[in-house]
Amino acid sequence: MSKQKRRHLSAEFKARVAREAMENQKTIQQIAKDNDVAPPKENS
């Protein structure tokens, strides 16, 4: 069984996703799905 390598996200990608989140046009779940990343886990 081989271990899958972690993905390294570029600064440009992170900035684009952060900008989308700050604009409040989409939910965090929608942004995560559109960018093929896992949404953050909620703390209850």
C-alpha atoms as a PDB file:
ATOM      1  CA  MET A   1       0.000   0.000   0.000  1.00  0.00           C
ATOM      2  CA  SER A   2       1.547   3.301  -1.058  1.00  0.00           C
ATOM      3  CA  LYS A   3       0.852   6.476   0.813  1.00  0.00           C
ATOM      4  CA  GLN A   4      -0.658   9.334  -1.174  1.00  0.00           C
ATOM      5  CA  LYS A   5       1.462  12.502  -1.138  1.00  0.00           C
ATOM      6  CA  ARG A   6       0.040  15.708   0.274  1.00  0.00           C
ATOM      7  CA  ARG A   7      -0.852  18.398  -2.187  1.00  0.00           C
ATOM      8  CA  HIS A   8       1.044  21.692  -1.995  1.00  0.00           C
ATOM      9  CA  LEU A   9      -1.150  24.685  -2.797  1.00  0.00           C
ATOM     10  CA  SER A  10       0.387  27.790  -4.321  1.00  0.00           C
ATOM     11  CA  ALA A  11       0.152  31.225  -2.739  1.00  0.00           C
ATOM     12  CA  GLU A  12      -1.858  32.419  -5.755  1.00  0.00           C
ATOM     13  CA  PHE A  13      -4.395  29.628  -5.272  1.00  0.00           C
ATOM     14  CA  LYS A  14      -4.742  30.399  -1.559  1.00  0.00           C
ATOM     15  CA  ALA A  15      -5.176  34.113  -2.270  1.00  0.00           C
ATOM     16  CA  ARG A  16      -7.867  33.433  -4.876  1.00  0.00           C
ATOM     17  CA  VAL A  17      -9.806  31.160  -2.510  1.00  0.00           C
ATOM     18  CA  ALA A  18      -9.467  33.688   0.341  1.00  0.00           C
ATOM     19  CA  ARG A  19     -10.734  36.465  -1.928  1.00  0.00           C
ATOM     20  CA  GLU A  20     -13.764  34.349  -2.870  1.00  0.00           C
ATOM     21  CA  ALA A  21     -14.504  33.722   0.814  1.00  0.00           C
ATOM     22  CA  MET A  22     -14.249  37.417   1.711  1.00  0.00           C
ATOM     23  CA  GLU A  23     -16.639  38.441  -1.075  1.00  0.00           C
ATOM     24  CA  ASN A  24     -19.427  36.377   0.587  1.00  0.00           C
ATOM     25  CA  GLN A  25     -20.892  35.433  -2.803  1.00  0.00           C
ATOM     26  CA  LYS A  26     -20.672  31.694  -2.051  1.00  0.00           C
ATOM     27  CA  THR A  27     -20.739  29.491   1.013  1.00  0.00           C
ATOM     28  CA  ILE A  28     -17.509  27.922   2.269  1.00  0.00           C
ATOM     29  CA  GLN A  29     -18.808  24.524   1.129  1.00  0.00           C
ATOM     30  CA  GLN A  30     -19.433  25.831  -2.397  1.00  0.00           C
ATOM     31  CA  ILE A  31     -15.966  27.388  -2.585  1.00  0.00           C
ATOM     32  CA  ALA A  32     -14.362  24.145  -1.387  1.00  0.00           C
ATOM     33  CA  LYS A  33     -16.273  22.072  -3.939  1.00  0.00           C
ATOM     34  CA  ASP A  34     -15.475  24.458  -6.812  1.00  0.00           C
ATOM     35  CA  ASN A  35     -11.754  24.384  -5.965  1.00  0.00           C
ATOM     36  CA  ASP A  36     -11.545  20.645  -5.262  1.00  0.00           C
ATOM     37  CA  VAL A  37     -10.507  21.023  -1.604  1.00  0.00           C
ATOM     38  CA  ALA A  38     -12.015  19.656   1.592  1.00  0.00           C
ATOM     39  CA  PRO A  39     -14.215  22.103   3.508  1.00  0.00           C
ATOM     40  CA  PRO A  40     -13.071  22.962   7.028  1.00  0.00           C
ATOM     41  CA  LYS A  41     -14.433  20.898   9.886  1.00  0.00           C
ATOM     42  CA  GLU A  42     -16.884  22.697  12.149  1.00  0.00           C
ATOM     43  CA  ASN A  43     -16.179  23.016  15.849  1.00  0.00           C
ATOM     44  CA  SER A  44     -19.267  22.528  17.963  1.00  0.00           C
END
